[in-house]
Amino acid sequence: MIKQLHQAYLGELYGIAFFETMINAATPDHKPEVWQQLLQVEIITAKLLRDALPKLGQPCEEFDQHMHDKGVQDAQKWQHLSWSELIDTMVDWVAPYQLTYHHQAMTATEHQTLFKLVDQHESCIYDFLLAEQRHDEHALMILNRFCDEHGAA
């Protein structure tokens, strides 16, 4: 179970690199404020996992070159997409992770708080993307709620 949480942590490092890359290339029609808030969700989750996992015997490096490079490369592949194409692509990309993390949270027999955090994190991003896909003017509030609930990084 700790390995699953560590994999989720590595996913946060990937997400940080991905969203930082998107911020650096964002044009106004690519909503830099959205990338910034998505980045905050990743940073907060990574910090909470990085604080908790070593206490469970799983060390966590603050940086992982492989995950960083993968996040940057994936972001660079998608930077040219229009906003709606990008959101559609991300919905399809995030959906299986959301299902996996939700299943892990529902079936965890230990460390439920951490599994719930990972589930909330991924569900928040997925729900935001679905709201953005529907052009919901309040979509960003989904990310803001997560950040407010779990604290600033």
N, C-alpha and C. Protein backbone atom coordinates (compact mmCIF):
# COMPACT_ATOMS: atom_id res chain seq x y z
N MET A 1 0.82 -1.20 0.00
CA MET A 1 0.00 0.00 0.00
C MET A 1 0.86 1.26 0.00
N ILE A 2 1.96 1.23 0.70
CA ILE A 2 2.84 2.39 0.73
C ILE A 2 3.43 2.64 -0.66
N LYS A 3 3.69 1.57 -1.40
CA LYS A 3 4.20 1.72 -2.77
C LYS A 3 3.21 2.48 -3.65
N GLN A 4 1.91 2.20 -3.48
CA GLN A 4 0.89 2.92 -4.24
C GLN A 4 0.92 4.40 -3.91
N LEU A 5 1.08 4.71 -2.64
CA LEU A 5 1.14 6.12 -2.22
C LEU A 5 2.40 6.79 -2.75
N HIS A 6 3.51 6.04 -2.77
CA HIS A 6 4.74 6.60 -3.31
C HIS A 6 4.59 6.85 -4.81
N GLN A 7 3.92 5.94 -5.52
CA GLN A 7 3.67 6.16 -6.94
C GLN A 7 2.82 7.41 -7.15
N ALA A 8 1.85 7.60 -6.28
CA ALA A 8 1.02 8.82 -6.37
C ALA A 8 1.89 10.05 -6.14
N TYR A 9 2.81 9.96 -5.19
CA TYR A 9 3.72 11.08 -4.93
C TYR A 9 4.55 11.39 -6.18
N LEU A 10 5.08 10.37 -6.81
CA LEU A 10 5.85 10.58 -8.04
C LEU A 10 4.97 11.21 -9.12
N GLY A 11 3.71 10.85 -9.13
CA GLY A 11 2.76 11.47 -10.06
C GLY A 11 2.59 12.95 -9.79
N GLU A 12 2.69 13.33 -8.52
CA GLU A 12 2.63 14.77 -8.17
C GLU A 12 3.84 15.50 -8.73
N LEU A 13 5.01 14.87 -8.63
CA LEU A 13 6.21 15.49 -9.17
C LEU A 13 6.10 15.66 -10.68
N TYR A 14 5.54 14.66 -11.33
CA TYR A 14 5.26 14.74 -12.77
C TYR A 14 4.32 15.92 -13.03
N GLY A 15 3.24 15.99 -12.27
CA GLY A 15 2.25 17.05 -12.46
C GLY A 15 2.83 18.44 -12.25
N ILE A 16 3.71 18.56 -11.27
CA ILE A 16 4.36 19.85 -11.02
C ILE A 16 5.15 20.27 -12.26
N ALA A 17 5.94 19.37 -12.80
CA ALA A 17 6.73 19.69 -14.00
C ALA A 17 5.81 20.00 -15.18
N PHE A 18 4.75 19.23 -15.33
CA PHE A 18 3.80 19.43 -16.42
C PHE A 18 3.17 20.82 -16.34
N PHE A 19 2.62 21.15 -15.18
CA PHE A 19 1.91 22.42 -15.04
C PHE A 19 2.87 23.61 -15.06
N GLU A 20 4.07 23.47 -14.53
CA GLU A 20 5.06 24.56 -14.63
C GLU A 20 5.39 24.83 -16.10
N THR A 21 5.53 23.78 -16.88
CA THR A 21 5.81 23.93 -18.30
C THR A 21 4.65 24.61 -19.01
N MET A 22 3.43 24.22 -18.67
CA MET A 22 2.26 24.85 -19.28
C MET A 22 2.17 26.33 -18.89
N ILE A 23 2.49 26.65 -17.65
CA ILE A 23 2.48 28.06 -17.21
C ILE A 23 3.47 28.86 -18.03
N ASN A 24 4.67 28.33 -18.20
CA ASN A 24 5.72 29.06 -18.90
C ASN A 24 5.38 29.30 -20.37
N ALA A 25 4.52 28.48 -20.95
CA ALA A 25 4.18 28.62 -22.36
C ALA A 25 2.77 29.19 -22.56
N ALA A 26 2.07 29.48 -21.47
CA ALA A 26 0.67 29.86 -21.56
C ALA A 26 0.48 31.20 -22.26
N THR A 27 -0.49 31.20 -23.13
CA THR A 27 -0.97 32.43 -23.73
C THR A 27 -2.27 32.79 -23.00
N PRO A 28 -2.74 34.02 -23.14
CA PRO A 28 -3.99 34.37 -22.43
C PRO A 28 -5.15 33.43 -22.71
N ASP A 29 -5.26 32.91 -23.95
CA ASP A 29 -6.35 31.98 -24.24
C ASP A 29 -6.13 30.60 -23.63
N HIS A 30 -4.94 30.37 -23.10
CA HIS A 30 -4.66 29.13 -22.37
C HIS A 30 -4.74 29.33 -20.87
N LYS A 31 -5.33 30.41 -20.45
CA LYS A 31 -5.70 30.67 -19.05
C LYS A 31 -4.59 30.37 -18.04
N PRO A 32 -3.55 31.20 -18.00
CA PRO A 32 -2.44 30.95 -17.07
C PRO A 32 -2.89 30.82 -15.61
N GLU A 33 -3.97 31.50 -15.22
CA GLU A 33 -4.45 31.41 -13.84
C GLU A 33 -4.94 30.00 -13.52
N VAL A 34 -5.45 29.31 -14.53
CA VAL A 34 -5.90 27.93 -14.33
C VAL A 34 -4.69 27.02 -14.11
N TRP A 35 -3.67 27.18 -14.94
CA TRP A 35 -2.46 26.37 -14.77
C TRP A 35 -1.85 26.60 -13.40
N GLN A 36 -1.87 27.85 -12.95
CA GLN A 36 -1.31 28.18 -11.63
C GLN A 36 -2.06 27.45 -10.53
N GLN A 37 -3.37 27.41 -10.63
CA GLN A 37 -4.16 26.75 -9.59
C GLN A 37 -4.01 25.23 -9.66
N LEU A 38 -3.93 24.68 -10.87
CA LEU A 38 -3.66 23.25 -10.99
C LEU A 38 -2.29 22.91 -10.40
N LEU A 39 -1.33 23.77 -10.63
CA LEU A 39 0.00 23.58 -10.05
C LEU A 39 -0.09 23.58 -8.52
N GLN A 40 -0.87 24.49 -7.96
CA GLN A 40 -1.03 24.54 -6.50
C GLN A 40 -1.59 23.24 -5.95
N VAL A 41 -2.56 22.66 -6.64
CA VAL A 41 -3.15 21.38 -6.21
C VAL A 41 -2.05 20.32 -6.15
N GLU A 42 -1.20 20.29 -7.16
CA GLU A 42 -0.10 19.31 -7.19
C GLU A 42 0.91 19.57 -6.08
N ILE A 43 1.28 20.82 -5.89
CA ILE A 43 2.29 21.17 -4.87
C ILE A 43 1.79 20.82 -3.48
N ILE A 44 0.54 21.18 -3.20
CA ILE A 44 -0.02 20.89 -1.88
C ILE A 44 -0.04 19.39 -1.62
N THR A 45 -0.52 18.62 -2.60
CA THR A 45 -0.61 17.17 -2.43
C THR A 45 0.78 16.55 -2.28
N ALA A 46 1.73 17.00 -3.09
CA ALA A 46 3.10 16.48 -2.99
C ALA A 46 3.68 16.76 -1.62
N LYS A 47 3.48 17.96 -1.12
CA LYS A 47 4.03 18.31 0.20
C LYS A 47 3.42 17.44 1.30
N LEU A 48 2.12 17.26 1.26
CA LEU A 48 1.47 16.44 2.30
C LEU A 48 1.96 14.99 2.23
N LEU A 49 2.11 14.45 1.04
CA LEU A 49 2.63 13.09 0.90
C LEU A 49 4.10 13.02 1.32
N ARG A 50 4.88 14.03 0.92
CA ARG A 50 6.31 14.04 1.26
C ARG A 50 6.51 14.15 2.77
N ASP A 51 5.62 14.81 3.47
CA ASP A 51 5.70 14.90 4.92
C ASP A 51 5.29 13.59 5.60
N ALA A 52 4.34 12.88 4.99
CA ALA A 52 3.78 11.69 5.63
C ALA A 52 4.52 10.40 5.31
N LEU A 53 4.95 10.22 4.10
CA LEU A 53 5.50 8.93 3.68
C LEU A 53 6.79 8.53 4.40
N PRO A 54 7.72 9.44 4.67
CA PRO A 54 8.92 9.01 5.41
C PRO A 54 8.60 8.44 6.80
N LYS A 55 7.54 8.92 7.40
CA LYS A 55 7.12 8.40 8.71
C LYS A 55 6.62 6.97 8.61
N LEU A 56 6.27 6.56 7.38
CA LEU A 56 5.82 5.19 7.13
C LEU A 56 6.92 4.32 6.55
N GLY A 57 8.14 4.87 6.53
CA GLY A 57 9.29 4.12 6.04
C GLY A 57 9.57 4.28 4.56
N GLN A 58 8.87 5.21 3.90
CA GLN A 58 9.07 5.44 2.47
C GLN A 58 9.69 6.82 2.24
N PRO A 59 11.01 6.86 2.00
CA PRO A 59 11.63 8.16 1.74
C PRO A 59 11.07 8.78 0.45
N CYS A 60 11.05 10.10 0.42
CA CYS A 60 10.56 10.83 -0.74
C CYS A 60 11.54 11.95 -1.08
N GLU A 61 12.15 11.83 -2.23
CA GLU A 61 13.01 12.90 -2.71
C GLU A 61 12.13 14.06 -3.18
N GLU A 62 12.62 15.27 -3.01
CA GLU A 62 11.85 16.43 -3.46
C GLU A 62 11.84 16.56 -4.98
N PHE A 63 12.76 15.88 -5.66
CA PHE A 63 12.87 15.99 -7.10
C PHE A 63 13.18 14.62 -7.68
N ASP A 64 12.56 14.30 -8.78
CA ASP A 64 12.83 13.06 -9.49
C ASP A 64 13.02 13.43 -10.96
N GLN A 65 14.23 13.24 -11.47
CA GLN A 65 14.57 13.67 -12.83
C GLN A 65 13.69 13.01 -13.88
N HIS A 66 13.45 11.72 -13.73
CA HIS A 66 12.63 11.00 -14.72
C HIS A 66 11.21 11.59 -14.77
N MET A 67 10.59 11.79 -13.63
CA MET A 67 9.23 12.32 -13.60
C MET A 67 9.20 13.76 -14.11
N HIS A 68 10.21 14.52 -13.77
CA HIS A 68 10.31 15.90 -14.25
C HIS A 68 10.38 15.92 -15.79
N ASP A 69 11.28 15.14 -16.32
CA ASP A 69 11.47 15.11 -17.77
C ASP A 69 10.20 14.65 -18.48
N LYS A 70 9.55 13.64 -17.92
CA LYS A 70 8.32 13.12 -18.52
C LYS A 70 7.22 14.20 -18.50
N GLY A 71 7.09 14.90 -17.39
CA GLY A 71 6.09 15.97 -17.30
C GLY A 71 6.34 17.08 -18.30
N VAL A 72 7.60 17.49 -18.43
CA VAL A 72 7.96 18.54 -19.39
C VAL A 72 7.67 18.06 -20.82
N GLN A 73 8.08 16.85 -21.15
CA GLN A 73 7.89 16.32 -22.50
C GLN A 73 6.41 16.23 -22.86
N ASP A 74 5.59 15.75 -21.93
CA ASP A 74 4.16 15.63 -22.21
C ASP A 74 3.53 17.01 -22.40
N ALA A 75 3.90 17.97 -21.57
CA ALA A 75 3.36 19.32 -21.71
C ALA A 75 3.75 19.91 -23.06
N GLN A 76 4.98 19.70 -23.46
CA GLN A 76 5.43 20.24 -24.75
C GLN A 76 4.66 19.63 -25.92
N LYS A 77 4.22 18.39 -25.78
CA LYS A 77 3.45 17.74 -26.85
C LYS A 77 2.06 18.37 -26.99
N TRP A 78 1.54 18.95 -25.91
CA TRP A 78 0.16 19.42 -25.91
C TRP A 78 0.03 20.94 -25.96
N GLN A 79 1.13 21.67 -25.85
CA GLN A 79 1.07 23.12 -25.79
C GLN A 79 0.42 23.76 -27.01
N HIS A 80 0.51 23.13 -28.15
CA HIS A 80 -0.03 23.69 -29.39
C HIS A 80 -1.55 23.55 -29.50
N LEU A 81 -2.17 22.74 -28.67
CA LEU A 81 -3.61 22.49 -28.77
C LEU A 81 -4.40 23.73 -28.37
N SER A 82 -5.57 23.88 -28.96
CA SER A 82 -6.48 24.94 -28.51
C SER A 82 -6.95 24.60 -27.09
N TRP A 83 -7.52 25.57 -26.41
CA TRP A 83 -7.97 25.34 -25.04
C TRP A 83 -8.97 24.19 -24.98
N SER A 84 -9.95 24.17 -25.84
CA SER A 84 -10.96 23.10 -25.78
C SER A 84 -10.34 21.74 -26.11
N GLU A 85 -9.44 21.69 -27.08
CA GLU A 85 -8.76 20.42 -27.40
C GLU A 85 -7.90 19.96 -26.22
N LEU A 86 -7.25 20.90 -25.58
CA LEU A 86 -6.41 20.58 -24.43
C LEU A 86 -7.25 20.02 -23.28
N ILE A 87 -8.37 20.66 -22.99
CA ILE A 87 -9.25 20.19 -21.91
C ILE A 87 -9.78 18.80 -22.25
N ASP A 88 -10.22 18.60 -23.49
CA ASP A 88 -10.72 17.27 -23.90
C ASP A 88 -9.63 16.21 -23.75
N THR A 89 -8.42 16.54 -24.16
CA THR A 89 -7.29 15.61 -24.06
C THR A 89 -7.01 15.28 -22.60
N MET A 90 -7.04 16.31 -21.76
CA MET A 90 -6.74 16.10 -20.34
C MET A 90 -7.84 15.30 -19.64
N VAL A 91 -9.10 15.49 -20.03
CA VAL A 91 -10.18 14.68 -19.45
C VAL A 91 -9.90 13.20 -19.69
N ASP A 92 -9.58 12.86 -20.94
CA ASP A 92 -9.29 11.46 -21.27
C ASP A 92 -8.04 10.96 -20.55
N TRP A 93 -7.07 11.83 -20.36
CA TRP A 93 -5.80 11.47 -19.73
C TRP A 93 -5.97 11.25 -18.22
N VAL A 94 -6.77 12.09 -17.57
CA VAL A 94 -6.92 12.03 -16.12
C VAL A 94 -7.92 10.95 -15.69
N ALA A 95 -8.91 10.65 -16.52
CA ALA A 95 -9.99 9.72 -16.13
C ALA A 95 -9.51 8.40 -15.54
N PRO A 96 -8.56 7.68 -16.16
CA PRO A 96 -8.16 6.41 -15.56
C PRO A 96 -7.45 6.57 -14.21
N TYR A 97 -6.72 7.66 -14.04
CA TYR A 97 -6.06 7.90 -12.75
C TYR A 97 -7.11 8.19 -11.67
N GLN A 98 -8.12 8.95 -12.05
CA GLN A 98 -9.18 9.25 -11.09
C GLN A 98 -9.86 7.97 -10.63
N LEU A 99 -10.14 7.07 -11.56
CA LEU A 99 -10.77 5.79 -11.20
C LEU A 99 -9.84 4.95 -10.33
N THR A 100 -8.58 4.89 -10.68
CA THR A 100 -7.61 4.10 -9.91
C THR A 100 -7.48 4.62 -8.49
N TYR A 101 -7.29 5.92 -8.36
CA TYR A 101 -7.10 6.50 -7.02
C TYR A 101 -8.38 6.39 -6.18
N HIS A 102 -9.52 6.51 -6.82
CA HIS A 102 -10.78 6.37 -6.08
C HIS A 102 -10.93 4.93 -5.58
N HIS A 103 -10.62 3.97 -6.44
CA HIS A 103 -10.68 2.56 -6.05
C HIS A 103 -9.71 2.28 -4.89
N GLN A 104 -8.50 2.81 -4.99
CA GLN A 104 -7.53 2.60 -3.91
C GLN A 104 -8.04 3.19 -2.61
N ALA A 105 -8.65 4.36 -2.66
CA ALA A 105 -9.16 4.99 -1.43
C ALA A 105 -10.31 4.18 -0.83
N MET A 106 -11.13 3.59 -1.68
CA MET A 106 -12.28 2.82 -1.20
C MET A 106 -11.86 1.47 -0.63
N THR A 107 -10.74 0.92 -1.09
CA THR A 107 -10.34 -0.42 -0.67
C THR A 107 -9.15 -0.42 0.30
N ALA A 108 -8.60 0.73 0.60
CA ALA A 108 -7.43 0.80 1.49
C ALA A 108 -7.80 0.28 2.88
N THR A 109 -6.94 -0.56 3.40
CA THR A 109 -7.15 -1.09 4.75
C THR A 109 -6.26 -0.39 5.78
N GLU A 110 -5.32 0.41 5.29
CA GLU A 110 -4.50 1.24 6.16
C GLU A 110 -4.13 2.51 5.41
N HIS A 111 -3.72 3.51 6.16
CA HIS A 111 -3.34 4.81 5.61
C HIS A 111 -4.48 5.45 4.81
N GLN A 112 -5.71 5.24 5.30
CA GLN A 112 -6.89 5.74 4.59
C GLN A 112 -6.84 7.25 4.38
N THR A 113 -6.30 7.99 5.33
CA THR A 113 -6.25 9.45 5.20
C THR A 113 -5.43 9.86 3.98
N LEU A 114 -4.31 9.19 3.78
CA LEU A 114 -3.46 9.52 2.63
C LEU A 114 -4.10 9.09 1.32
N PHE A 115 -4.72 7.92 1.32
CA PHE A 115 -5.41 7.48 0.10
C PHE A 115 -6.58 8.41 -0.21
N LYS A 116 -7.27 8.88 0.82
CA LYS A 116 -8.37 9.82 0.61
C LYS A 116 -7.84 11.13 0.03
N LEU A 117 -6.71 11.60 0.52
CA LEU A 117 -6.09 12.81 -0.01
C LEU A 117 -5.80 12.66 -1.50
N VAL A 118 -5.18 11.56 -1.87
CA VAL A 118 -4.84 11.32 -3.28
C VAL A 118 -6.11 11.25 -4.13
N ASP A 119 -7.12 10.59 -3.62
CA ASP A 119 -8.41 10.50 -4.32
C ASP A 119 -9.03 11.89 -4.47
N GLN A 120 -9.06 12.66 -3.40
CA GLN A 120 -9.63 14.01 -3.46
C GLN A 120 -8.87 14.87 -4.47
N HIS A 121 -7.57 14.73 -4.46
CA HIS A 121 -6.72 15.50 -5.38
C HIS A 121 -7.07 15.18 -6.83
N GLU A 122 -7.11 13.90 -7.17
CA GLU A 122 -7.36 13.52 -8.56
C GLU A 122 -8.81 13.82 -8.95
N SER A 123 -9.73 13.59 -8.05
CA SER A 123 -11.15 13.88 -8.33
C SER A 123 -11.36 15.37 -8.53
N CYS A 124 -10.66 16.17 -7.75
CA CYS A 124 -10.74 17.62 -7.89
C CYS A 124 -10.30 18.04 -9.29
N ILE A 125 -9.18 17.54 -9.74
CA ILE A 125 -8.67 17.89 -11.07
C ILE A 125 -9.64 17.39 -12.14
N TYR A 126 -10.11 16.17 -12.00
CA TYR A 126 -11.04 15.60 -12.99
C TYR A 126 -12.35 16.39 -13.02
N ASP A 127 -12.90 16.68 -11.85
CA ASP A 127 -14.15 17.44 -11.78
C ASP A 127 -13.97 18.83 -12.38
N PHE A 128 -12.82 19.44 -12.12
CA PHE A 128 -12.53 20.75 -12.72
C PHE A 128 -12.53 20.64 -14.24
N LEU A 129 -11.83 19.65 -14.76
CA LEU A 129 -11.73 19.49 -16.22
C LEU A 129 -13.11 19.26 -16.85
N LEU A 130 -13.94 18.45 -16.20
CA LEU A 130 -15.29 18.22 -16.71
C LEU A 130 -16.11 19.52 -16.69
N ALA A 131 -15.97 20.29 -15.61
CA ALA A 131 -16.67 21.57 -15.52
C ALA A 131 -16.17 22.53 -16.59
N GLU A 132 -14.89 22.55 -16.80
CA GLU A 132 -14.30 23.42 -17.84
C GLU A 132 -14.79 22.97 -19.22
N GLN A 133 -14.92 21.69 -19.41
CA GLN A 133 -15.40 21.15 -20.68
C GLN A 133 -16.84 21.62 -20.95
N ARG A 134 -17.62 21.76 -19.87
CA ARG A 134 -19.01 22.22 -19.98
C ARG A 134 -19.10 23.75 -20.01
N HIS A 135 -17.94 24.41 -19.95
CA HIS A 135 -17.87 25.88 -19.92
C HIS A 135 -18.54 26.45 -18.67
N ASP A 136 -18.43 25.73 -17.57
CA ASP A 136 -18.98 26.18 -16.29
C ASP A 136 -18.14 27.35 -15.79
N GLU A 137 -18.76 28.49 -15.61
CA GLU A 137 -18.01 29.67 -15.19
C GLU A 137 -17.45 29.57 -13.77
N HIS A 138 -17.90 28.58 -13.03
CA HIS A 138 -17.42 28.38 -11.65
C HIS A 138 -16.44 27.22 -11.53
N ALA A 139 -15.92 26.74 -12.64
CA ALA A 139 -15.04 25.57 -12.63
C ALA A 139 -13.82 25.76 -11.72
N LEU A 140 -13.23 26.93 -11.76
CA LEU A 140 -12.02 27.18 -10.97
C LEU A 140 -12.27 27.04 -9.47
N MET A 141 -13.52 27.24 -9.05
CA MET A 141 -13.84 27.10 -7.62
C MET A 141 -13.57 25.68 -7.12
N ILE A 142 -13.64 24.70 -7.98
CA ILE A 142 -13.36 23.31 -7.58
C ILE A 142 -11.92 23.20 -7.11
N LEU A 143 -11.00 23.78 -7.87
CA LEU A 143 -9.59 23.75 -7.49
C LEU A 143 -9.35 24.60 -6.24
N ASN A 144 -10.00 25.75 -6.19
CA ASN A 144 -9.84 26.63 -5.03
C ASN A 144 -10.28 25.95 -3.74
N ARG A 145 -11.38 25.22 -3.80
CA ARG A 145 -11.88 24.51 -2.60
C ARG A 145 -10.84 23.51 -2.09
N PHE A 146 -10.23 22.76 -3.01
CA PHE A 146 -9.22 21.79 -2.60
C PHE A 146 -8.06 22.52 -1.90
N CYS A 147 -7.59 23.58 -2.51
CA CYS A 147 -6.46 24.33 -1.93
C CYS A 147 -6.85 24.93 -0.58
N ASP A 148 -8.05 25.45 -0.46
CA ASP A 148 -8.49 26.00 0.82
C ASP A 148 -8.58 24.92 1.89
N GLU A 149 -9.09 23.76 1.51
CA GLU A 149 -9.27 22.67 2.47
C GLU A 149 -7.93 22.08 2.94
N HIS A 150 -6.97 21.99 2.04
CA HIS A 150 -5.73 21.30 2.36
C HIS A 150 -4.56 22.25 2.64
N GLY A 151 -4.82 23.53 2.53
CA GLY A 151 -3.80 24.51 2.91
C GLY A 151 -2.86 24.86 1.79
N ALA A 152 -2.32 26.04 1.88
CA ALA A 152 -1.35 26.50 0.89
C ALA A 152 -0.05 25.73 1.06
N ALA A 153 0.65 25.59 -0.05
CA ALA A 153 1.93 24.86 -0.02
C ALA A 153 3.03 25.74 0.52
